[in-house]
Amino acid sequence: SKVMAAKKPKDGKRKKNQSFGEKLFSRFAKKRKDKDKDKDNKHKKDKKNNKKNGTSKHDKRNSKHDKGRHNSSKPNKIIEFTPAEPEELKDVYTIDDVINYQSQVIRSVNDEKRKMLVTEKLRLCSVRFDFTEIMDDAKTNNNINGAQQQQQSNGAGATNGHQNGKSDKKKMDGVILSNGPRRSHALSQEQMERKQQLTIGIDKKRQMLVEIVEFISTQKWWDEDILKELISCVTSNLFRTLPLGSRRKFVKGDEEEEPFLDPQWLHLQLVYELCLRFLISNDIDKKVMQKYLHGSFVLNLIQLFQSEDLRERDYLKTILHRIYGKFMSFRSFLRRAINNVFYNVIYETQRHNGLAELLEILGSIINGFATPLKDEHQKFLRNVLIPLHKVETLSQYHAQLAYCVVQFIEKDPRLSSIIIGGLLKFWPIISCSKELLFLSELEEVLEMTEQPQFEKLIIPVFKRIAACICSPHFQVAERALFLWNN
């Protein structure tokens, strides 16, 4: 106690005597009060500083959290936005690209992006689909369903009519065997899904072709790059291996065979329409167009006249006639190319599906020949048109051939003697149907023949008419007698 008393400060006022425990607790209480006073003083100083700086305690907390993101002393950085570069166009697209393509409308795109979108759609439309697989699957499914329905009806009739001994009859009719699944013809799940995807892709390509045809025919589109893509799209779709029509056996009572319809016509029609639209467009530059149409493109178009689909040959006839009329430099080249087709038919194959359409084009060309006729055109009459009369399939194109011959006589009546001499030279002896065609053409040519030309051939003409009157075939004899009514 003496030691404690000595350490205490002498304030002049002595406290009363206290026990050791009371003195100890009083010391701790004093330390606690001093700490509280220090906190209060610090808090007051912070408030004064905050009032001077204009910030609050809440703002400081937020500034601590945002310390990594923002620095109040440094200016805010401007982040520049760089737009994503457009995807580069593929050189070659696949069927899966067409199926998964998210289409955009050409009209809704500005002029800068329109060219790229048209190019992309033309390259997508260059992808060809195999329609034969879908058609074959549909036929097999229809045949299976029809056979199952027929077997079910036969089985139901057998059970209702004959209940006694029905098991033996079912075995004989094959009803029990039909209950099992025919796995050889049934399509798997993957095949069905693939077929559905192909139908989606076919419909998307059709929609894109319709949109491009509308764009070409209604808006100004001329651009050499787009023309390249148009030619490429037409080439990849049209210039193909032609499908063979199913040769149906002739049944008694049938007058004509059913016409062959190409299964790809859903797309081919739109491609032909596209080709026709950009050929008749007024926006094109003829000199630039000639670079892409000359040579193999025109030759391949002529080869397509071999197609068995009549609708395709009609489009080809219109397109080839437009090219002949629009491009003067192609005319002699086109005539030579068509002549080569005729030579091939006359001396080798004896058969061609598009002779009628080619002769129809030549009929309008001959009508525009200037008079007097050039030697080239007269050689065409002697070497091509007259020998075409000896081909076996004359009945398929005789009307167009006779029209071309009559056009030559109208241009130069002196050629009638050459034509009559050619008819007598190639006069058919075995085929009565061809002989009827020759008689009708001879009558038409004789009507237009002048007297001096007729006198050159009067004896061989009437010898041939006399032989036809004596023909054992009654139609030939009757047709020859009708000549005297003229």
Protein backbone atom coordinates (compact mmCIF):
# COMPACT_ATOMS: atom_id res chain seq x y z
CA SER A 1 0.00 0.00 0.00
CA LYS A 2 2.94 2.35 0.75
CA VAL A 3 4.33 1.61 -2.78
CA MET A 4 0.99 2.30 -4.41
CA ALA A 5 0.60 5.48 -2.47
CA ALA A 6 4.05 6.64 -3.59
CA LYS A 7 3.26 6.05 -7.31
CA LYS A 8 -0.04 7.93 -7.21
CA PRO A 9 0.07 11.53 -8.38
CA LYS A 10 -0.22 14.11 -5.71
CA ASP A 11 -3.26 16.17 -6.71
CA GLY A 12 -3.66 17.84 -3.42
CA LYS A 13 -6.84 15.90 -2.76
CA ARG A 14 -6.50 12.58 -1.14
CA LYS A 15 -9.03 9.90 -1.76
CA LYS A 16 -10.25 7.77 0.95
CA ASN A 17 -8.53 4.55 1.77
CA GLN A 18 -9.62 1.73 -0.73
CA SER A 19 -9.06 -1.98 -0.83
CA PHE A 20 -6.77 -3.60 -3.39
CA GLY A 21 -9.63 -4.97 -5.57
CA GLU A 22 -11.42 -1.63 -5.75
CA LYS A 23 -8.22 0.09 -6.78
CA LEU A 24 -7.62 -2.52 -9.55
CA PHE A 25 -11.12 -2.20 -11.06
CA SER A 26 -10.93 1.58 -10.99
CA ARG A 27 -7.77 1.45 -13.12
CA PHE A 28 -9.48 -0.67 -15.81
CA ALA A 29 -12.48 1.63 -15.86
CA LYS A 30 -10.23 4.63 -16.36
CA LYS A 31 -8.46 3.00 -19.35
CA ARG A 32 -11.82 2.22 -20.95
CA LYS A 33 -12.98 5.82 -20.60
CA ASP A 34 -9.78 7.04 -22.23
CA LYS A 35 -10.32 4.74 -25.26
CA ASP A 36 -13.93 5.95 -25.67
CA LYS A 37 -12.78 9.57 -25.57
CA ASP A 38 -10.17 8.89 -28.29
CA LYS A 39 -12.84 7.29 -30.53
CA ASP A 40 -15.20 10.22 -30.09
CA ASN A 41 -12.49 12.73 -30.92
CA LYS A 42 -11.49 10.78 -34.03
CA HIS A 43 -15.11 10.57 -35.18
CA LYS A 44 -15.57 14.33 -34.78
CA LYS A 45 -12.41 15.02 -36.83
CA ASP A 46 -13.64 12.73 -39.65
CA LYS A 47 -16.97 14.53 -39.78
CA LYS A 48 -15.28 17.91 -40.08
CA ASN A 49 -13.04 16.66 -42.92
CA ASN A 50 -16.00 15.14 -44.75
CA LYS A 51 -17.95 18.38 -44.57
CA LYS A 52 -14.99 20.27 -46.05
CA ASN A 53 -14.49 17.73 -48.91
CA GLY A 54 -18.26 17.26 -49.54
CA THR A 55 -18.23 13.46 -49.16
CA SER A 56 -20.01 11.24 -46.72
CA LYS A 57 -19.17 8.02 -45.01
CA HIS A 58 -21.46 6.08 -47.32
CA ASP A 59 -19.65 7.46 -50.35
CA LYS A 60 -16.33 6.34 -48.89
CA ARG A 61 -17.56 2.80 -48.56
CA ASN A 62 -18.69 2.78 -52.17
CA SER A 63 -15.37 4.23 -53.23
CA LYS A 64 -13.55 1.41 -51.46
CA HIS A 65 -15.61 -1.19 -53.34
CA ASP A 66 -15.16 0.58 -56.69
CA LYS A 67 -11.47 1.21 -56.15
CA GLY A 68 -10.53 -1.49 -58.65
CA ARG A 69 -12.99 -0.29 -61.23
CA HIS A 70 -12.75 3.51 -61.06
CA ASN A 71 -10.11 5.90 -59.97
CA SER A 72 -11.60 9.31 -59.08
CA SER A 73 -8.31 11.09 -59.65
CA LYS A 74 -7.87 9.68 -63.22
CA PRO A 75 -10.19 10.55 -66.14
CA ASN A 76 -12.58 7.86 -67.47
CA LYS A 77 -11.22 5.84 -70.41
CA ILE A 78 -13.37 5.71 -73.62
CA ILE A 79 -13.79 2.12 -74.80
CA GLU A 80 -14.04 2.00 -78.59
CA PHE A 81 -16.53 -0.52 -80.06
CA THR A 82 -15.23 -2.33 -83.10
CA PRO A 83 -18.06 -4.00 -85.06
CA ALA A 84 -17.62 -7.65 -85.94
CA GLU A 85 -16.37 -8.22 -89.44
CA PRO A 86 -18.88 -9.90 -91.79
CA GLU A 87 -18.36 -13.57 -92.44
CA GLU A 88 -16.51 -14.36 -95.63
CA LEU A 89 -18.48 -16.07 -98.37
CA LYS A 90 -17.65 -19.67 -99.15
CA ASP A 91 -16.61 -20.60 -102.64
CA VAL A 92 -18.57 -23.85 -102.51
CA TYR A 93 -21.64 -24.60 -100.40
CA THR A 94 -23.11 -27.97 -99.47
CA ILE A 95 -26.62 -29.34 -98.94
CA ASP A 96 -26.23 -28.95 -95.16
CA ASP A 97 -25.43 -25.24 -95.66
CA VAL A 98 -28.72 -24.79 -97.52
CA ILE A 99 -30.67 -26.69 -94.86
CA ASN A 100 -29.18 -24.66 -91.97
CA TYR A 101 -29.25 -21.29 -93.75
CA GLN A 102 -31.06 -18.48 -91.92
CA SER A 103 -32.56 -16.53 -94.78
CA GLN A 104 -32.56 -12.74 -95.07
CA VAL A 105 -34.80 -10.80 -97.43
CA ILE A 106 -32.91 -8.97 -100.18
CA ARG A 107 -35.24 -5.99 -100.06
CA SER A 108 -34.64 -5.38 -96.35
CA VAL A 109 -30.86 -4.99 -96.80
CA ASN A 110 -29.13 -1.74 -97.73
CA ASP A 111 -27.23 -1.30 -101.00
CA GLU A 112 -23.83 -2.09 -99.47
CA LYS A 113 -24.85 -5.51 -98.15
CA ARG A 114 -27.22 -6.36 -101.01
CA LYS A 115 -24.51 -7.42 -103.41
CA MET A 116 -22.96 -9.79 -100.87
CA LEU A 117 -26.39 -11.24 -99.94
CA VAL A 118 -27.34 -11.83 -103.59
CA THR A 119 -23.96 -13.48 -104.20
CA GLU A 120 -24.42 -15.73 -101.17
CA LYS A 121 -27.90 -16.79 -102.24
CA LEU A 122 -26.79 -17.50 -105.80
CA ARG A 123 -23.99 -19.73 -104.50
CA LEU A 124 -26.44 -21.52 -102.21
CA CYS A 125 -28.80 -22.01 -105.15
CA SER A 126 -25.93 -23.63 -107.08
CA VAL A 127 -26.25 -26.66 -104.78
CA ARG A 128 -28.19 -29.43 -106.50
CA PHE A 129 -30.55 -31.82 -104.71
CA ASP A 130 -31.19 -35.41 -105.71
CA PHE A 131 -34.95 -35.69 -106.16
CA THR A 132 -34.83 -39.31 -107.26
CA GLU A 133 -34.15 -40.58 -103.72
CA ILE A 134 -37.16 -38.75 -102.31
CA MET A 135 -39.38 -39.88 -105.18
CA ASP A 136 -38.25 -43.51 -104.87
CA ASP A 137 -38.83 -43.51 -101.11
CA ALA A 138 -42.30 -42.08 -101.59
CA LYS A 139 -43.10 -44.72 -104.23
CA THR A 140 -41.87 -47.60 -102.05
CA ASN A 141 -43.83 -46.35 -99.03
CA ASN A 142 -46.97 -46.00 -101.15
CA ASN A 143 -46.51 -49.49 -102.57
CA ILE A 144 -45.98 -50.97 -99.09
CA ASN A 145 -49.02 -49.20 -97.65
CA GLY A 146 -51.15 -50.24 -100.61
CA ALA A 147 -50.03 -53.87 -100.35
CA GLN A 148 -50.69 -53.93 -96.59
CA GLN A 149 -54.17 -52.47 -97.02
CA GLN A 150 -54.96 -54.97 -99.75
CA GLN A 151 -53.71 -57.87 -97.64
CA GLN A 152 -55.70 -56.65 -94.63
CA SER A 153 -58.87 -56.43 -96.70
CA ASN A 154 -58.25 -59.91 -98.13
CA GLY A 155 -57.62 -61.26 -94.63
CA ALA A 156 -60.76 -59.64 -93.24
CA GLY A 157 -62.86 -61.12 -96.04
CA ALA A 158 -61.40 -64.54 -95.47
CA THR A 159 -62.12 -64.51 -91.71
CA ASN A 160 -65.71 -63.30 -92.17
CA GLY A 161 -66.58 -65.68 -95.00
CA HIS A 162 -64.82 -68.85 -93.90
CA GLN A 163 -64.29 -69.35 -90.20
CA ASN A 164 -63.89 -73.13 -90.49
CA GLY A 165 -60.46 -74.14 -91.63
CA LYS A 166 -59.30 -70.54 -91.71
CA SER A 167 -55.72 -71.33 -90.69
CA ASP A 168 -55.00 -73.27 -93.88
CA LYS A 169 -56.53 -70.55 -96.04
CA LYS A 170 -54.48 -67.83 -94.29
CA LYS A 171 -51.32 -69.78 -94.96
CA MET A 172 -52.18 -70.10 -98.62
CA ASP A 173 -53.14 -66.42 -98.98
CA GLY A 174 -50.05 -65.23 -97.13
CA VAL A 175 -51.98 -63.32 -94.46
CA ILE A 176 -49.81 -64.61 -91.64
CA LEU A 177 -46.62 -63.58 -93.42
CA SER A 178 -47.93 -60.04 -93.90
CA ASN A 179 -48.30 -59.49 -90.15
CA GLY A 180 -44.53 -59.31 -89.67
CA PRO A 181 -42.60 -56.10 -90.43
CA ARG A 182 -41.00 -55.82 -93.87
CA ARG A 183 -37.59 -54.63 -92.80
CA SER A 184 -36.06 -54.70 -96.24
CA HIS A 185 -38.26 -51.81 -97.46
CA ALA A 186 -38.89 -49.93 -94.20
CA LEU A 187 -36.98 -46.71 -93.67
CA SER A 188 -34.90 -46.31 -90.54
CA GLN A 189 -35.26 -43.35 -88.20
CA GLU A 190 -32.08 -41.74 -89.52
CA GLN A 191 -33.28 -42.07 -93.10
CA MET A 192 -36.61 -40.49 -92.22
CA GLU A 193 -34.89 -37.56 -90.49
CA ARG A 194 -32.54 -37.10 -93.44
CA LYS A 195 -35.49 -37.14 -95.82
CA GLN A 196 -37.24 -34.43 -93.78
CA GLN A 197 -34.07 -32.31 -93.80
CA LEU A 198 -33.82 -32.68 -97.59
CA THR A 199 -37.40 -31.51 -98.04
CA ILE A 200 -36.62 -28.46 -95.87
CA GLY A 201 -33.52 -27.72 -97.97
CA ILE A 202 -35.46 -28.12 -101.23
CA ASP A 203 -38.10 -25.66 -100.05
CA LYS A 204 -35.47 -23.14 -98.90
CA LYS A 205 -33.72 -23.27 -102.26
CA ARG A 206 -37.05 -22.76 -104.05
CA GLN A 207 -37.80 -19.69 -101.91
CA MET A 208 -34.35 -18.21 -102.61
CA LEU A 209 -34.74 -18.76 -106.36
CA VAL A 210 -38.15 -17.06 -106.34
CA GLU A 211 -36.65 -14.10 -104.47
CA ILE A 212 -33.70 -13.77 -106.90
CA VAL A 213 -35.99 -13.94 -109.95
CA GLU A 214 -38.10 -11.15 -108.48
CA PHE A 215 -34.97 -9.10 -107.70
CA ILE A 216 -33.58 -9.49 -111.24
CA SER A 217 -36.87 -8.59 -112.92
CA THR A 218 -37.88 -5.61 -110.75
CA GLN A 219 -34.68 -3.82 -109.66
CA LYS A 220 -31.50 -2.49 -111.23
CA TRP A 221 -29.01 -5.23 -110.60
CA TRP A 222 -26.30 -4.91 -113.29
CA ASP A 223 -22.90 -5.79 -111.92
CA GLU A 224 -20.29 -7.98 -113.56
CA ASP A 225 -19.64 -9.91 -110.34
CA ILE A 226 -23.35 -10.68 -109.99
CA LEU A 227 -23.44 -11.72 -113.65
CA LYS A 228 -20.62 -14.20 -113.00
CA GLU A 229 -22.59 -15.70 -110.11
CA LEU A 230 -25.75 -15.86 -112.24
CA ILE A 231 -23.94 -17.71 -115.02
CA SER A 232 -22.36 -20.05 -112.45
CA CYS A 233 -25.74 -20.77 -110.83
CA VAL A 234 -27.40 -21.49 -114.19
CA THR A 235 -24.47 -23.65 -115.30
CA SER A 236 -24.39 -25.81 -112.17
CA ASN A 237 -28.17 -26.41 -112.22
CA LEU A 238 -28.91 -26.90 -115.92
CA PHE A 239 -25.82 -28.52 -117.39
CA ARG A 240 -26.22 -31.98 -115.93
CA THR A 241 -26.66 -35.59 -116.93
CA LEU A 242 -30.18 -35.79 -118.31
CA PRO A 243 -32.50 -38.31 -116.64
CA LEU A 244 -33.86 -41.12 -118.75
CA GLY A 245 -37.61 -41.45 -118.96
CA SER A 246 -39.16 -44.74 -117.96
CA ARG A 247 -39.85 -46.74 -121.12
CA ARG A 248 -43.40 -47.92 -120.63
CA LYS A 249 -44.49 -50.95 -122.64
CA PHE A 250 -47.21 -50.26 -125.19
CA VAL A 251 -50.57 -51.56 -124.00
CA LYS A 252 -53.40 -52.25 -126.38
CA GLY A 253 -55.82 -49.33 -126.36
CA ASP A 254 -53.24 -46.69 -125.42
CA GLU A 255 -52.97 -43.97 -128.05
CA GLU A 256 -49.89 -42.21 -126.69
CA GLU A 257 -47.33 -42.77 -124.00
CA GLU A 258 -47.46 -40.58 -120.92
CA PRO A 259 -45.10 -37.60 -121.22
CA PHE A 260 -41.96 -37.75 -119.12
CA LEU A 261 -41.79 -35.22 -116.26
CA ASP A 262 -38.41 -34.43 -114.77
CA PRO A 263 -38.55 -34.72 -110.94
CA GLN A 264 -36.17 -31.74 -110.61
CA TRP A 265 -38.54 -29.41 -112.46
CA LEU A 266 -39.48 -27.65 -109.20
CA HIS A 267 -36.03 -25.99 -109.22
CA LEU A 268 -35.27 -26.18 -112.96
CA GLN A 269 -38.26 -24.04 -113.91
CA LEU A 270 -37.09 -21.21 -111.64
CA VAL A 271 -33.50 -21.48 -112.93
CA TYR A 272 -34.73 -21.26 -116.54
CA GLU A 273 -36.89 -18.29 -115.59
CA LEU A 274 -33.85 -16.66 -113.98
CA CYS A 275 -31.77 -17.24 -117.12
CA LEU A 276 -34.51 -15.79 -119.32
CA ARG A 277 -34.99 -12.73 -117.10
CA PHE A 278 -31.36 -11.64 -117.09
CA LEU A 279 -31.11 -12.22 -120.85
CA ILE A 280 -34.05 -9.92 -121.62
CA SER A 281 -33.04 -7.35 -119.00
CA ASN A 282 -32.36 -3.85 -120.30
CA ASP A 283 -29.65 -3.21 -117.68
CA ILE A 284 -27.10 -5.59 -119.18
CA ASP A 285 -24.01 -4.59 -121.09
CA LYS A 286 -23.97 -6.71 -124.27
CA LYS A 287 -20.20 -6.59 -124.73
CA VAL A 288 -19.60 -7.90 -121.21
CA MET A 289 -22.37 -10.50 -121.57
CA GLN A 290 -20.81 -11.92 -124.74
CA LYS A 291 -17.70 -12.94 -122.81
CA TYR A 292 -19.71 -15.26 -120.58
CA LEU A 293 -22.23 -16.62 -123.10
CA HIS A 294 -19.89 -17.40 -125.99
CA GLY A 295 -18.59 -20.91 -126.57
CA SER A 296 -19.37 -23.71 -124.15
CA PHE A 297 -22.41 -22.04 -122.56
CA VAL A 298 -24.35 -21.87 -125.84
CA LEU A 299 -23.19 -25.35 -126.93
CA ASN A 300 -24.36 -26.84 -123.64
CA LEU A 301 -27.74 -25.15 -124.06
CA ILE A 302 -28.12 -26.79 -127.47
CA GLN A 303 -27.17 -30.18 -126.00
CA LEU A 304 -30.01 -29.83 -123.47
CA PHE A 305 -32.56 -30.09 -126.33
CA GLN A 306 -32.04 -33.83 -125.94
CA SER A 307 -34.15 -33.66 -122.76
CA GLU A 308 -37.31 -35.78 -122.72
CA ASP A 309 -39.27 -33.19 -120.73
CA LEU A 310 -41.32 -31.04 -123.12
CA ARG A 311 -41.47 -28.14 -120.63
CA GLU A 312 -37.68 -27.91 -120.54
CA ARG A 313 -37.42 -27.88 -124.34
CA ASP A 314 -39.95 -25.03 -124.55
CA TYR A 315 -37.85 -22.89 -122.20
CA LEU A 316 -34.69 -23.75 -124.15
CA LYS A 317 -36.35 -22.75 -127.43
CA THR A 318 -37.30 -19.33 -126.02
CA ILE A 319 -33.86 -18.71 -124.47
CA LEU A 320 -31.91 -19.73 -127.58
CA HIS A 321 -34.14 -17.58 -129.78
CA ARG A 322 -33.53 -14.59 -127.49
CA ILE A 323 -29.77 -15.10 -127.66
CA TYR A 324 -29.90 -15.33 -131.47
CA GLY A 325 -31.91 -12.11 -131.73
CA LYS A 326 -29.97 -10.08 -129.17
CA PHE A 327 -26.36 -10.95 -130.02
CA MET A 328 -25.51 -10.48 -133.69
CA SER A 329 -22.04 -11.99 -133.37
CA PHE A 330 -23.49 -15.34 -132.20
CA ARG A 331 -25.72 -15.96 -135.22
CA SER A 332 -23.38 -17.82 -137.56
CA PHE A 333 -21.95 -19.78 -134.63
CA LEU A 334 -25.45 -20.83 -133.53
CA ARG A 335 -26.47 -21.91 -137.04
CA ARG A 336 -23.36 -24.07 -137.36
CA ALA A 337 -23.94 -25.64 -133.94
CA ILE A 338 -27.56 -26.49 -134.84
CA ASN A 339 -26.41 -27.91 -138.19
CA ASN A 340 -24.01 -30.21 -136.36
CA VAL A 341 -26.92 -31.59 -134.33
CA PHE A 342 -28.83 -32.31 -137.55
CA TYR A 343 -25.82 -33.98 -139.17
CA ASN A 344 -25.47 -36.22 -136.14
CA VAL A 345 -29.13 -37.24 -136.41
CA ILE A 346 -29.06 -37.82 -140.18
CA TYR A 347 -25.90 -39.90 -140.39
CA GLU A 348 -25.53 -41.50 -136.94
CA THR A 349 -28.23 -41.60 -134.25
CA GLN A 350 -31.49 -41.23 -136.26
CA ARG A 351 -33.13 -39.96 -133.07
CA HIS A 352 -33.29 -36.67 -131.15
CA ASN A 353 -35.95 -35.33 -128.81
CA GLY A 354 -35.56 -31.64 -129.64
CA LEU A 355 -35.63 -31.59 -133.46
CA ALA A 356 -39.10 -30.00 -133.57
CA GLU A 357 -38.03 -27.12 -131.31
CA LEU A 358 -34.76 -26.54 -133.20
CA LEU A 359 -36.61 -26.47 -136.55
CA GLU A 360 -39.14 -24.06 -135.09
CA ILE A 361 -36.26 -21.69 -134.22
CA LEU A 362 -34.84 -22.12 -137.73
CA GLY A 363 -38.25 -21.37 -139.26
CA SER A 364 -38.23 -17.89 -137.72
CA ILE A 365 -34.55 -17.46 -138.69
CA ILE A 366 -35.22 -18.41 -142.35
CA ASN A 367 -38.13 -15.98 -142.40
CA GLY A 368 -35.63 -13.20 -141.68
CA PHE A 369 -33.15 -14.13 -144.42
CA ALA A 370 -32.42 -11.37 -146.89
CA THR A 371 -32.94 -11.95 -150.59
CA PRO A 372 -31.23 -13.01 -152.75
CA LEU A 373 -30.28 -15.94 -150.57
CA LYS A 374 -26.62 -16.52 -149.78
CA ASP A 375 -24.87 -19.71 -150.91
CA GLU A 376 -24.52 -20.69 -147.25
CA HIS A 377 -28.32 -20.75 -146.82
CA GLN A 378 -28.89 -22.69 -150.04
CA LYS A 379 -26.35 -25.31 -148.92
CA PHE A 380 -28.22 -25.55 -145.64
CA LEU A 381 -31.38 -26.42 -147.60
CA ARG A 382 -29.67 -29.06 -149.75
CA ASN A 383 -27.42 -30.66 -147.11
CA VAL A 384 -29.57 -30.44 -143.98
CA LEU A 385 -33.29 -29.86 -144.51
CA ILE A 386 -33.83 -32.21 -147.45
CA PRO A 387 -31.83 -35.16 -145.96
CA LEU A 388 -33.85 -34.80 -142.73
CA HIS A 389 -36.76 -36.37 -144.63
CA LYS A 390 -35.08 -39.80 -144.54
CA VAL A 391 -34.86 -40.02 -140.74
CA GLU A 392 -37.02 -42.72 -139.12
CA THR A 393 -38.65 -40.38 -136.61
CA LEU A 394 -39.89 -37.93 -139.28
CA SER A 395 -43.40 -37.83 -137.82
CA GLN A 396 -42.13 -36.07 -134.67
CA TYR A 397 -40.99 -32.94 -136.53
CA HIS A 398 -42.51 -33.07 -140.03
CA ALA A 399 -44.78 -30.03 -139.56
CA GLN A 400 -41.84 -27.80 -138.56
CA LEU A 401 -39.66 -29.22 -141.36
CA ALA A 402 -42.32 -28.56 -144.01
CA TYR A 403 -42.69 -24.99 -142.74
CA CYS A 404 -38.93 -24.38 -143.17
CA VAL A 405 -39.04 -25.79 -146.71
CA VAL A 406 -41.98 -23.57 -147.68
CA GLN A 407 -40.13 -20.52 -146.29
CA PHE A 408 -37.26 -21.20 -148.72
CA ILE A 409 -39.65 -21.38 -151.68
CA GLU A 410 -41.19 -18.05 -150.67
CA LYS A 411 -37.72 -16.49 -150.58
CA ASP A 412 -36.66 -18.00 -153.92
CA PRO A 413 -39.26 -19.91 -156.06
CA ARG A 414 -36.49 -21.43 -158.18
CA LEU A 415 -35.57 -23.70 -155.26
CA SER A 416 -38.83 -25.68 -155.64
CA SER A 417 -37.24 -27.97 -158.24
CA ILE A 418 -34.41 -28.81 -155.81
CA ILE A 419 -36.93 -29.57 -153.06
CA ILE A 420 -39.16 -31.76 -155.25
CA GLY A 421 -36.10 -33.64 -156.51
CA GLY A 422 -35.01 -34.26 -152.92
CA LEU A 423 -38.47 -35.56 -151.96
CA LEU A 424 -38.44 -38.01 -154.87
CA LYS A 425 -34.91 -39.11 -153.99
CA PHE A 426 -35.76 -39.95 -150.35
CA TRP A 427 -39.31 -41.19 -151.02
CA PRO A 428 -40.19 -43.96 -148.52
CA ILE A 429 -41.16 -47.37 -149.86
CA ILE A 430 -41.66 -49.51 -146.74
CA SER A 431 -43.21 -47.01 -144.28
CA CYS A 432 -46.75 -46.10 -145.25
CA SER A 433 -47.07 -43.47 -142.51
CA LYS A 434 -44.03 -41.60 -143.88
CA GLU A 435 -45.42 -41.92 -147.42
CA LEU A 436 -48.58 -40.10 -146.32
CA LEU A 437 -46.46 -37.26 -144.92
CA PHE A 438 -44.50 -37.02 -148.20
CA LEU A 439 -47.71 -36.82 -150.25
CA SER A 440 -49.09 -33.97 -148.17
CA GLU A 441 -45.79 -32.05 -148.40
CA LEU A 442 -45.54 -32.69 -152.14
CA GLU A 443 -48.99 -31.20 -152.67
CA GLU A 444 -48.04 -28.10 -150.66
CA VAL A 445 -44.80 -27.62 -152.62
CA LEU A 446 -46.50 -28.13 -156.02
CA GLU A 447 -48.98 -25.37 -155.20
CA MET A 448 -46.11 -22.87 -154.86
CA THR A 449 -44.08 -24.14 -157.83
CA GLU A 450 -43.99 -22.00 -160.97
CA GLN A 451 -44.57 -23.46 -164.46
CA PRO A 452 -40.94 -23.55 -165.70
CA GLN A 453 -39.75 -25.30 -162.54
CA PHE A 454 -42.63 -27.77 -162.68
CA GLU A 455 -41.90 -28.76 -166.30
CA LYS A 456 -38.42 -29.97 -165.33
CA LEU A 457 -39.81 -32.65 -163.02
CA ILE A 458 -43.25 -33.38 -164.46
CA ILE A 459 -42.47 -36.96 -165.59
CA PRO A 460 -40.85 -38.30 -162.35
CA VAL A 461 -43.55 -36.59 -160.23
CA PHE A 462 -46.47 -38.26 -162.00
CA LYS A 463 -44.70 -41.62 -162.07
CA ARG A 464 -44.46 -41.40 -158.29
CA ILE A 465 -48.12 -40.37 -157.97
CA ALA A 466 -49.16 -43.29 -160.18
CA ALA A 467 -47.15 -45.70 -158.01
CA CYS A 468 -48.90 -44.33 -154.92
CA ILE A 469 -52.35 -44.79 -156.51
CA CYS A 470 -51.44 -48.45 -157.10
CA SER A 471 -50.21 -48.89 -153.52
CA PRO A 472 -51.63 -51.89 -151.61
CA HIS A 473 -52.18 -49.60 -148.59
CA PHE A 474 -55.63 -48.01 -148.98
CA GLN A 475 -54.72 -44.77 -147.15
CA VAL A 476 -51.76 -44.10 -149.47
CA ALA A 477 -53.89 -44.75 -152.57
CA GLU A 478 -56.73 -42.58 -151.27
CA ARG A 479 -54.35 -39.70 -150.43
CA ALA A 480 -52.78 -39.88 -153.92
CA LEU A 481 -56.21 -39.69 -155.54
CA PHE A 482 -57.07 -36.63 -153.45
CA LEU A 483 -54.26 -34.78 -155.27
CA TRP A 484 -56.57 -34.53 -158.33
CA ASN A 485 -59.09 -32.54 -156.28
CA ASN A 486 -56.54 -29.73 -155.89
